[in-house]
N, C-alpha and C. Protein backbone atom coordinates (compact mmCIF):
# COMPACT_ATOMS: atom_id res chain seq x y z
N MET A 1 -130.49 -102.45 -88.87
CA MET A 1 -129.49 -102.76 -87.87
C MET A 1 -128.10 -102.54 -88.48
N ALA A 2 -127.23 -101.90 -87.72
CA ALA A 2 -125.85 -101.65 -88.18
C ALA A 2 -125.10 -102.97 -88.28
N LEU A 3 -124.16 -103.00 -89.19
CA LEU A 3 -123.31 -104.17 -89.32
C LEU A 3 -122.09 -103.98 -88.44
N GLU A 4 -121.82 -104.95 -87.59
CA GLU A 4 -120.63 -104.91 -86.76
C GLU A 4 -119.77 -106.12 -87.11
N LEU A 5 -118.59 -105.85 -87.67
CA LEU A 5 -117.66 -106.89 -88.08
C LEU A 5 -116.30 -106.60 -87.49
N ASP A 6 -115.73 -107.58 -86.83
CA ASP A 6 -114.39 -107.44 -86.26
C ASP A 6 -114.24 -106.17 -85.43
N GLY A 7 -115.28 -105.85 -84.65
CA GLY A 7 -115.22 -104.68 -83.77
C GLY A 7 -115.40 -103.35 -84.47
N GLN A 8 -115.80 -103.36 -85.75
CA GLN A 8 -116.03 -102.13 -86.49
C GLN A 8 -117.51 -102.02 -86.84
N THR A 9 -117.99 -100.77 -86.96
CA THR A 9 -119.38 -100.52 -87.32
C THR A 9 -119.46 -100.02 -88.76
N TRP A 10 -120.36 -100.62 -89.53
CA TRP A 10 -120.58 -100.27 -90.93
C TRP A 10 -122.05 -99.91 -91.11
N PHE A 11 -122.35 -99.10 -92.13
CA PHE A 11 -123.74 -98.90 -92.52
C PHE A 11 -124.23 -100.17 -93.21
N ALA A 12 -125.48 -100.57 -92.95
CA ALA A 12 -126.08 -101.69 -93.69
C ALA A 12 -126.34 -101.23 -95.12
N ARG A 13 -126.81 -100.01 -95.27
CA ARG A 13 -126.97 -99.37 -96.59
C ARG A 13 -126.47 -97.94 -96.41
N GLN A 14 -125.36 -97.65 -97.02
CA GLN A 14 -124.72 -96.36 -96.78
C GLN A 14 -125.35 -95.23 -97.59
N PRO A 15 -125.27 -94.00 -97.03
CA PRO A 15 -125.66 -92.85 -97.85
C PRO A 15 -124.69 -92.78 -99.02
N TRP A 16 -125.11 -92.21 -100.14
CA TRP A 16 -124.26 -92.30 -101.33
C TRP A 16 -123.91 -90.96 -101.98
N LYS A 17 -124.47 -89.85 -101.49
CA LYS A 17 -124.09 -88.58 -102.12
C LYS A 17 -124.23 -87.43 -101.13
N VAL A 18 -123.54 -86.35 -101.47
CA VAL A 18 -123.61 -85.12 -100.71
C VAL A 18 -124.03 -84.01 -101.68
N THR A 19 -124.85 -83.10 -101.20
CA THR A 19 -125.22 -81.92 -101.98
C THR A 19 -124.58 -80.72 -101.29
N PHE A 20 -123.85 -79.92 -102.05
CA PHE A 20 -123.14 -78.78 -101.49
C PHE A 20 -123.81 -77.48 -101.92
N THR A 21 -123.94 -76.54 -100.97
CA THR A 21 -124.51 -75.23 -101.25
C THR A 21 -123.67 -74.15 -100.58
N ASN A 22 -123.37 -73.09 -101.34
CA ASN A 22 -122.68 -71.92 -100.80
C ASN A 22 -123.25 -70.70 -101.51
N TYR A 23 -123.83 -69.78 -100.76
CA TYR A 23 -124.46 -68.60 -101.35
C TYR A 23 -123.49 -67.43 -101.53
N TYR A 24 -122.25 -67.59 -101.09
CA TYR A 24 -121.23 -66.54 -101.20
C TYR A 24 -120.03 -67.12 -101.95
N ALA A 25 -119.85 -66.75 -103.21
CA ALA A 25 -118.87 -67.43 -104.06
C ALA A 25 -117.72 -66.53 -104.51
N TYR A 26 -117.46 -65.44 -103.80
CA TYR A 26 -116.38 -64.54 -104.20
C TYR A 26 -115.25 -64.55 -103.18
N VAL A 27 -114.04 -64.27 -103.67
CA VAL A 27 -112.86 -64.32 -102.80
C VAL A 27 -113.04 -63.44 -101.57
N GLY A 28 -112.59 -63.95 -100.43
CA GLY A 28 -112.52 -63.18 -99.20
C GLY A 28 -113.81 -62.85 -98.50
N GLN A 29 -114.96 -63.24 -99.04
CA GLN A 29 -116.23 -62.89 -98.37
C GLN A 29 -116.26 -63.50 -96.97
N THR A 30 -116.76 -62.72 -96.01
CA THR A 30 -116.76 -63.17 -94.62
C THR A 30 -118.08 -63.77 -94.15
N ALA A 31 -119.15 -63.63 -94.89
CA ALA A 31 -120.45 -64.13 -94.45
C ALA A 31 -120.75 -65.54 -94.94
N ALA A 32 -119.79 -66.20 -95.56
CA ALA A 32 -120.03 -67.51 -96.17
C ALA A 32 -120.35 -68.58 -95.14
N THR A 33 -121.22 -69.48 -95.55
CA THR A 33 -121.51 -70.71 -94.83
C THR A 33 -121.54 -71.81 -95.88
N TYR A 34 -120.84 -72.89 -95.62
CA TYR A 34 -120.79 -74.01 -96.55
C TYR A 34 -121.74 -75.09 -96.03
N TYR A 35 -122.74 -75.42 -96.83
CA TYR A 35 -123.76 -76.40 -96.43
C TYR A 35 -123.51 -77.73 -97.13
N PHE A 36 -123.41 -78.79 -96.34
CA PHE A 36 -123.24 -80.15 -96.84
C PHE A 36 -124.50 -80.92 -96.43
N THR A 37 -125.30 -81.35 -97.41
CA THR A 37 -126.57 -82.02 -97.13
C THR A 37 -126.51 -83.47 -97.56
N ILE A 38 -126.94 -84.36 -96.68
CA ILE A 38 -127.02 -85.79 -97.01
C ILE A 38 -128.35 -86.34 -96.52
N THR A 39 -128.79 -87.41 -97.17
CA THR A 39 -129.98 -88.14 -96.72
C THR A 39 -129.52 -89.52 -96.29
N LEU A 40 -129.83 -89.86 -95.07
CA LEU A 40 -129.49 -91.18 -94.54
C LEU A 40 -130.60 -92.15 -94.95
N PRO A 41 -130.27 -93.20 -95.72
CA PRO A 41 -131.32 -94.12 -96.18
C PRO A 41 -132.09 -94.76 -95.02
N GLU A 42 -133.35 -95.07 -95.27
CA GLU A 42 -134.18 -95.75 -94.27
C GLU A 42 -133.54 -97.07 -93.82
N GLN A 43 -132.82 -97.74 -94.73
CA GLN A 43 -132.22 -99.03 -94.44
C GLN A 43 -130.75 -98.90 -94.01
N ALA A 44 -130.33 -97.71 -93.57
CA ALA A 44 -128.93 -97.48 -93.19
C ALA A 44 -128.49 -98.41 -92.06
N GLY A 45 -129.40 -98.74 -91.18
CA GLY A 45 -129.07 -99.65 -90.10
C GLY A 45 -128.37 -99.00 -88.92
N ALA A 46 -127.94 -97.75 -89.08
CA ALA A 46 -127.27 -97.03 -87.99
C ALA A 46 -127.54 -95.55 -88.17
N GLY A 47 -127.51 -94.83 -87.07
CA GLY A 47 -127.61 -93.39 -87.15
C GLY A 47 -126.31 -92.81 -87.71
N LEU A 48 -126.32 -91.51 -87.95
CA LEU A 48 -125.15 -90.82 -88.49
C LEU A 48 -124.29 -90.36 -87.31
N GLY A 49 -123.13 -91.02 -87.15
CA GLY A 49 -122.25 -90.69 -86.03
C GLY A 49 -121.40 -89.47 -86.28
N GLY A 50 -121.13 -89.17 -87.56
CA GLY A 50 -120.31 -88.01 -87.86
C GLY A 50 -120.02 -87.87 -89.33
N LEU A 51 -119.32 -86.79 -89.66
CA LEU A 51 -118.86 -86.51 -91.02
C LEU A 51 -117.41 -86.08 -90.96
N VAL A 52 -116.65 -86.45 -91.98
CA VAL A 52 -115.27 -86.02 -92.13
C VAL A 52 -115.17 -85.34 -93.48
N ILE A 53 -114.76 -84.07 -93.47
CA ILE A 53 -114.69 -83.28 -94.70
C ILE A 53 -113.27 -82.75 -94.83
N ALA A 54 -112.64 -83.05 -95.98
CA ALA A 54 -111.25 -82.67 -96.19
C ALA A 54 -111.09 -81.92 -97.51
N GLN A 55 -110.35 -80.82 -97.48
CA GLN A 55 -110.06 -80.08 -98.71
C GLN A 55 -109.07 -80.90 -99.53
N THR A 56 -109.44 -81.22 -100.77
CA THR A 56 -108.57 -82.02 -101.64
C THR A 56 -108.06 -81.23 -102.84
N ARG A 57 -108.65 -80.06 -103.10
CA ARG A 57 -108.22 -79.25 -104.23
C ARG A 57 -108.51 -77.80 -103.90
N GLY A 58 -107.69 -76.91 -104.46
CA GLY A 58 -107.87 -75.48 -104.29
C GLY A 58 -106.55 -74.84 -103.91
N VAL A 59 -106.24 -73.74 -104.58
CA VAL A 59 -104.93 -73.13 -104.45
C VAL A 59 -104.71 -72.50 -103.06
N ASP A 60 -105.74 -71.95 -102.44
CA ASP A 60 -105.60 -71.35 -101.11
C ASP A 60 -105.71 -72.44 -100.05
N ARG A 61 -104.61 -72.72 -99.38
CA ARG A 61 -104.57 -73.77 -98.36
C ARG A 61 -104.47 -73.16 -96.96
N SER A 62 -104.85 -71.88 -96.83
CA SER A 62 -104.69 -71.24 -95.53
C SER A 62 -105.99 -70.75 -94.91
N PHE A 63 -107.11 -70.75 -95.65
CA PHE A 63 -108.35 -70.28 -95.02
C PHE A 63 -108.77 -71.29 -93.96
N GLN A 64 -109.34 -70.78 -92.88
CA GLN A 64 -109.62 -71.58 -91.68
C GLN A 64 -111.12 -71.71 -91.44
N PHE A 65 -111.48 -72.84 -90.84
CA PHE A 65 -112.85 -73.03 -90.38
C PHE A 65 -112.92 -72.70 -88.89
N ALA A 66 -114.10 -72.34 -88.44
CA ALA A 66 -114.34 -72.02 -87.03
C ALA A 66 -115.20 -73.14 -86.43
N PRO A 67 -114.56 -74.16 -85.84
CA PRO A 67 -115.33 -75.30 -85.32
C PRO A 67 -116.45 -74.91 -84.36
N ALA A 68 -116.24 -73.88 -83.55
CA ALA A 68 -117.26 -73.48 -82.58
C ALA A 68 -118.51 -72.92 -83.26
N ARG A 69 -118.39 -72.48 -84.50
CA ARG A 69 -119.54 -71.93 -85.24
C ARG A 69 -120.22 -72.98 -86.12
N THR A 70 -119.75 -74.23 -86.07
CA THR A 70 -120.33 -75.32 -86.85
C THR A 70 -121.68 -75.69 -86.27
N LYS A 71 -122.65 -75.92 -87.14
CA LYS A 71 -123.96 -76.36 -86.67
C LYS A 71 -124.54 -77.37 -87.66
N ALA A 72 -125.56 -78.07 -87.22
CA ALA A 72 -126.25 -79.03 -88.07
C ALA A 72 -127.74 -78.97 -87.75
N PHE A 73 -128.53 -79.37 -88.74
CA PHE A 73 -129.98 -79.36 -88.55
C PHE A 73 -130.61 -80.38 -89.49
N VAL A 74 -131.84 -80.75 -89.17
CA VAL A 74 -132.64 -81.60 -90.04
C VAL A 74 -133.21 -80.68 -91.11
N GLY A 75 -133.14 -81.10 -92.37
CA GLY A 75 -133.70 -80.31 -93.46
C GLY A 75 -132.64 -79.78 -94.40
N LEU A 76 -133.02 -78.74 -95.12
CA LEU A 76 -132.20 -78.16 -96.18
C LEU A 76 -131.79 -76.73 -95.84
N PRO A 77 -130.74 -76.21 -96.51
CA PRO A 77 -130.37 -74.81 -96.30
C PRO A 77 -131.58 -73.90 -96.58
N ARG A 78 -131.73 -72.90 -95.75
CA ARG A 78 -132.83 -71.94 -95.81
C ARG A 78 -134.20 -72.56 -95.56
N ARG A 79 -134.22 -73.83 -95.15
CA ARG A 79 -135.44 -74.53 -94.72
C ARG A 79 -135.09 -75.41 -93.53
N GLU A 80 -134.48 -74.78 -92.53
CA GLU A 80 -133.97 -75.51 -91.36
C GLU A 80 -135.08 -76.10 -90.52
N GLY A 81 -134.83 -77.33 -90.09
CA GLY A 81 -135.70 -77.98 -89.13
C GLY A 81 -135.01 -77.97 -87.77
N ALA A 82 -135.22 -79.03 -87.03
CA ALA A 82 -134.67 -79.15 -85.68
C ALA A 82 -133.14 -79.12 -85.70
N SER A 83 -132.58 -78.46 -84.72
CA SER A 83 -131.12 -78.38 -84.57
C SER A 83 -130.57 -79.73 -84.09
N ILE A 84 -129.36 -80.06 -84.53
CA ILE A 84 -128.68 -81.29 -84.13
C ILE A 84 -127.38 -80.89 -83.44
N PRO A 85 -127.16 -81.32 -82.20
CA PRO A 85 -125.90 -80.98 -81.51
C PRO A 85 -124.69 -81.55 -82.26
N VAL A 86 -123.59 -80.77 -82.26
CA VAL A 86 -122.36 -81.20 -82.94
C VAL A 86 -121.15 -80.93 -82.06
N GLN A 87 -120.10 -81.71 -82.32
CA GLN A 87 -118.77 -81.46 -81.78
C GLN A 87 -117.84 -81.47 -82.99
N ALA A 88 -117.12 -80.37 -83.20
CA ALA A 88 -116.29 -80.25 -84.40
C ALA A 88 -114.85 -79.96 -84.03
N ALA A 89 -113.94 -80.51 -84.84
CA ALA A 89 -112.51 -80.26 -84.66
C ALA A 89 -111.89 -80.01 -86.03
N TRP A 90 -111.08 -78.96 -86.13
CA TRP A 90 -110.42 -78.56 -87.38
C TRP A 90 -108.94 -78.89 -87.29
N ASP A 91 -108.43 -79.61 -88.28
CA ASP A 91 -107.01 -79.93 -88.38
C ASP A 91 -106.46 -79.13 -89.57
N SER A 92 -105.80 -78.01 -89.28
CA SER A 92 -105.34 -77.13 -90.36
C SER A 92 -104.23 -77.76 -91.20
N GLN A 93 -103.41 -78.63 -90.60
CA GLN A 93 -102.34 -79.30 -91.36
C GLN A 93 -102.92 -80.25 -92.40
N ALA A 94 -103.91 -81.04 -92.00
CA ALA A 94 -104.53 -82.01 -92.90
C ALA A 94 -105.64 -81.38 -93.74
N ARG A 95 -106.03 -80.12 -93.41
CA ARG A 95 -107.13 -79.44 -94.11
C ARG A 95 -108.41 -80.27 -93.98
N ARG A 96 -108.70 -80.70 -92.73
CA ARG A 96 -109.82 -81.61 -92.50
C ARG A 96 -110.60 -81.18 -91.26
N ILE A 97 -111.93 -81.21 -91.39
CA ILE A 97 -112.78 -80.97 -90.23
C ILE A 97 -113.55 -82.27 -89.95
N THR A 98 -113.54 -82.66 -88.68
CA THR A 98 -114.25 -83.86 -88.24
C THR A 98 -115.38 -83.41 -87.34
N VAL A 99 -116.59 -83.85 -87.67
CA VAL A 99 -117.78 -83.47 -86.91
C VAL A 99 -118.42 -84.74 -86.37
N GLN A 100 -118.70 -84.72 -85.07
CA GLN A 100 -119.37 -85.85 -84.44
C GLN A 100 -120.75 -85.39 -83.96
N PHE A 101 -121.70 -86.32 -84.02
CA PHE A 101 -123.06 -86.07 -83.56
C PHE A 101 -123.29 -86.86 -82.29
N PRO A 102 -123.26 -86.22 -81.10
CA PRO A 102 -123.47 -86.93 -79.84
C PRO A 102 -124.85 -87.60 -79.78
N GLN A 103 -125.85 -87.01 -80.47
CA GLN A 103 -127.19 -87.60 -80.58
C GLN A 103 -127.40 -87.88 -82.07
N PRO A 104 -126.95 -89.04 -82.55
CA PRO A 104 -126.92 -89.31 -83.99
C PRO A 104 -128.28 -89.17 -84.68
N PRO A 105 -128.30 -88.42 -85.81
CA PRO A 105 -129.51 -88.39 -86.63
C PRO A 105 -129.83 -89.82 -87.10
N GLN A 106 -131.11 -90.09 -87.26
CA GLN A 106 -131.56 -91.46 -87.54
C GLN A 106 -131.82 -91.71 -89.02
N PRO A 107 -131.82 -92.99 -89.42
CA PRO A 107 -132.11 -93.33 -90.81
C PRO A 107 -133.41 -92.69 -91.28
N GLY A 108 -133.39 -92.27 -92.54
CA GLY A 108 -134.55 -91.62 -93.14
C GLY A 108 -134.51 -90.10 -93.06
N GLN A 109 -133.62 -89.54 -92.28
CA GLN A 109 -133.55 -88.09 -92.13
C GLN A 109 -132.61 -87.46 -93.16
N THR A 110 -132.96 -86.24 -93.55
CA THR A 110 -132.07 -85.41 -94.37
C THR A 110 -131.41 -84.44 -93.41
N ILE A 111 -130.09 -84.43 -93.43
CA ILE A 111 -129.29 -83.66 -92.48
C ILE A 111 -128.42 -82.68 -93.24
N THR A 112 -128.32 -81.46 -92.73
CA THR A 112 -127.42 -80.47 -93.32
C THR A 112 -126.42 -80.03 -92.26
N LEU A 113 -125.15 -80.09 -92.64
CA LEU A 113 -124.07 -79.58 -91.81
C LEU A 113 -123.68 -78.21 -92.35
N ALA A 114 -123.62 -77.21 -91.49
CA ALA A 114 -123.26 -75.85 -91.88
C ALA A 114 -121.89 -75.52 -91.30
N LEU A 115 -120.90 -75.39 -92.19
CA LEU A 115 -119.54 -75.02 -91.78
C LEU A 115 -119.33 -73.54 -92.08
N LYS A 116 -118.70 -72.86 -91.14
CA LYS A 116 -118.44 -71.44 -91.32
C LYS A 116 -116.94 -71.18 -91.31
N PRO A 117 -116.41 -70.80 -92.47
CA PRO A 117 -115.01 -70.37 -92.49
C PRO A 117 -114.94 -68.96 -91.94
N TRP A 118 -113.76 -68.53 -91.54
CA TRP A 118 -113.63 -67.13 -91.13
C TRP A 118 -113.86 -66.24 -92.34
N ASN A 119 -113.47 -66.73 -93.51
CA ASN A 119 -113.72 -66.03 -94.78
C ASN A 119 -113.54 -67.04 -95.91
N ASN A 120 -114.07 -66.71 -97.08
CA ASN A 120 -113.82 -67.52 -98.27
C ASN A 120 -112.33 -67.46 -98.59
N PRO A 121 -111.83 -68.42 -99.38
CA PRO A 121 -110.43 -68.34 -99.81
C PRO A 121 -110.13 -67.00 -100.48
N PHE A 122 -108.89 -66.57 -100.41
CA PHE A 122 -108.49 -65.30 -101.00
C PHE A 122 -107.98 -65.44 -102.43
N GLN A 123 -108.03 -66.66 -102.98
CA GLN A 123 -107.62 -66.88 -104.36
C GLN A 123 -108.73 -67.62 -105.09
N ALA A 124 -109.07 -67.12 -106.28
CA ALA A 124 -110.10 -67.76 -107.09
C ALA A 124 -109.60 -69.12 -107.56
N ASP A 125 -110.49 -70.10 -107.54
CA ASP A 125 -110.16 -71.44 -107.99
C ASP A 125 -111.42 -72.30 -107.81
N THR A 126 -111.34 -73.53 -108.24
CA THR A 126 -112.38 -74.50 -107.94
C THR A 126 -111.85 -75.35 -106.79
N TYR A 127 -112.52 -75.26 -105.65
CA TYR A 127 -112.13 -75.99 -104.45
C TYR A 127 -112.96 -77.26 -104.36
N MET A 128 -112.33 -78.32 -103.88
CA MET A 128 -113.04 -79.59 -103.71
C MET A 128 -112.82 -80.12 -102.31
N PHE A 129 -113.86 -80.75 -101.79
CA PHE A 129 -113.82 -81.35 -100.47
C PHE A 129 -114.33 -82.79 -100.56
N SER A 130 -113.55 -83.75 -100.06
CA SER A 130 -114.04 -85.12 -99.96
C SER A 130 -114.92 -85.19 -98.71
N VAL A 131 -115.96 -86.00 -98.79
CA VAL A 131 -116.90 -86.11 -97.67
C VAL A 131 -117.11 -87.58 -97.35
N GLN A 132 -116.95 -87.91 -96.07
CA GLN A 132 -117.20 -89.27 -95.58
C GLN A 132 -118.23 -89.22 -94.47
N ALA A 133 -119.17 -90.17 -94.50
CA ALA A 133 -120.16 -90.32 -93.43
C ALA A 133 -119.71 -91.46 -92.52
N LEU A 134 -119.84 -91.26 -91.21
CA LEU A 134 -119.47 -92.27 -90.23
C LEU A 134 -120.72 -92.80 -89.54
N PRO A 135 -120.90 -94.13 -89.51
CA PRO A 135 -122.05 -94.67 -88.78
C PRO A 135 -121.84 -94.52 -87.28
N ALA A 136 -122.94 -94.40 -86.55
CA ALA A 136 -122.85 -94.34 -85.09
C ALA A 136 -122.53 -95.73 -84.57
N GLY A 137 -121.53 -95.84 -83.73
CA GLY A 137 -121.14 -97.12 -83.17
C GLY A 137 -119.65 -97.16 -82.96
N PRO A 138 -119.16 -98.26 -82.38
CA PRO A 138 -117.73 -98.37 -82.10
C PRO A 138 -116.91 -98.54 -83.38
N ASN A 139 -115.76 -97.89 -83.44
CA ASN A 139 -114.83 -98.00 -84.57
C ASN A 139 -115.54 -97.90 -85.92
N PRO A 140 -116.18 -96.77 -86.21
CA PRO A 140 -116.95 -96.65 -87.45
C PRO A 140 -116.06 -96.67 -88.69
N VAL A 141 -116.58 -97.31 -89.73
CA VAL A 141 -115.91 -97.34 -91.03
C VAL A 141 -116.63 -96.33 -91.91
N GLY A 142 -115.91 -95.33 -92.39
CA GLY A 142 -116.50 -94.26 -93.18
C GLY A 142 -117.00 -94.71 -94.53
N ALA A 143 -118.08 -94.08 -94.96
CA ALA A 143 -118.66 -94.31 -96.28
C ALA A 143 -118.42 -93.05 -97.10
N SER A 144 -117.76 -93.20 -98.24
CA SER A 144 -117.47 -92.04 -99.10
C SER A 144 -118.75 -91.54 -99.73
N LEU A 145 -118.98 -90.22 -99.62
CA LEU A 145 -120.14 -89.60 -100.25
C LEU A 145 -119.73 -88.85 -101.51
N GLY A 146 -118.46 -88.93 -101.87
CA GLY A 146 -117.98 -88.23 -103.06
C GLY A 146 -117.36 -86.90 -102.69
N PHE A 147 -117.48 -85.95 -103.62
CA PHE A 147 -116.82 -84.66 -103.48
C PHE A 147 -117.82 -83.52 -103.59
N ALA A 148 -117.58 -82.49 -102.80
CA ALA A 148 -118.32 -81.23 -102.91
C ALA A 148 -117.42 -80.27 -103.68
N THR A 149 -117.96 -79.65 -104.71
CA THR A 149 -117.20 -78.74 -105.55
C THR A 149 -117.66 -77.31 -105.29
N MET A 150 -116.69 -76.41 -105.03
CA MET A 150 -117.00 -75.03 -104.69
C MET A 150 -116.18 -74.07 -105.55
N PRO A 151 -116.80 -73.46 -106.56
CA PRO A 151 -116.08 -72.44 -107.32
C PRO A 151 -116.03 -71.13 -106.52
N ILE A 152 -114.85 -70.50 -106.51
CA ILE A 152 -114.67 -69.19 -105.88
C ILE A 152 -114.16 -68.25 -106.97
N PHE A 153 -114.86 -67.13 -107.14
CA PHE A 153 -114.59 -66.19 -108.22
C PHE A 153 -113.85 -64.95 -107.72
N ASP A 154 -113.12 -64.29 -108.65
CA ASP A 154 -112.37 -63.09 -108.33
C ASP A 154 -113.22 -61.93 -107.86
N GLY A 155 -114.31 -61.69 -108.48
CA GLY A 155 -115.17 -60.56 -108.11
C GLY A 155 -116.27 -60.38 -109.12
N ILE A 156 -117.09 -59.42 -108.85
CA ILE A 156 -118.22 -59.16 -109.73
C ILE A 156 -117.72 -58.39 -110.95
N ARG A 157 -118.05 -58.92 -112.10
CA ARG A 157 -117.68 -58.25 -113.34
C ARG A 157 -118.95 -57.78 -114.02
N LEU A 158 -119.00 -56.51 -114.35
CA LEU A 158 -120.20 -55.95 -115.00
C LEU A 158 -119.99 -55.80 -116.46
């Protein structure tokens, strides 16, 4: 059961980590998809209402995400299960994408969010994204899942 205190919703047992996967790690690549995978504990007490992902490090602050191309599914990258409906909004000023799940995934499930930028950053660097999980319910209080680290390289060197 979710914890509701002072009109806010909390996880009873929050998810505690995010696993990040990107199969395209070179500057400017257009086929990239950034996968953020979390497992919602059986004792979470609430479904997953959403995720908030914000760029916190990386020299290129202009690459954009395409909210309409955002998707989520049960399972892992390249081992997709059932699709999960999403609503996504990109705030380019804050460098933050907020994703809501109208039909929240339930405790015990492993969920992967797939974000699609128009292209990878055009400058090599190590990019970092903070990730917060939001419980389903009124006025959710986010649970920090830590940081996803994404190295982007200049090009293939032989």
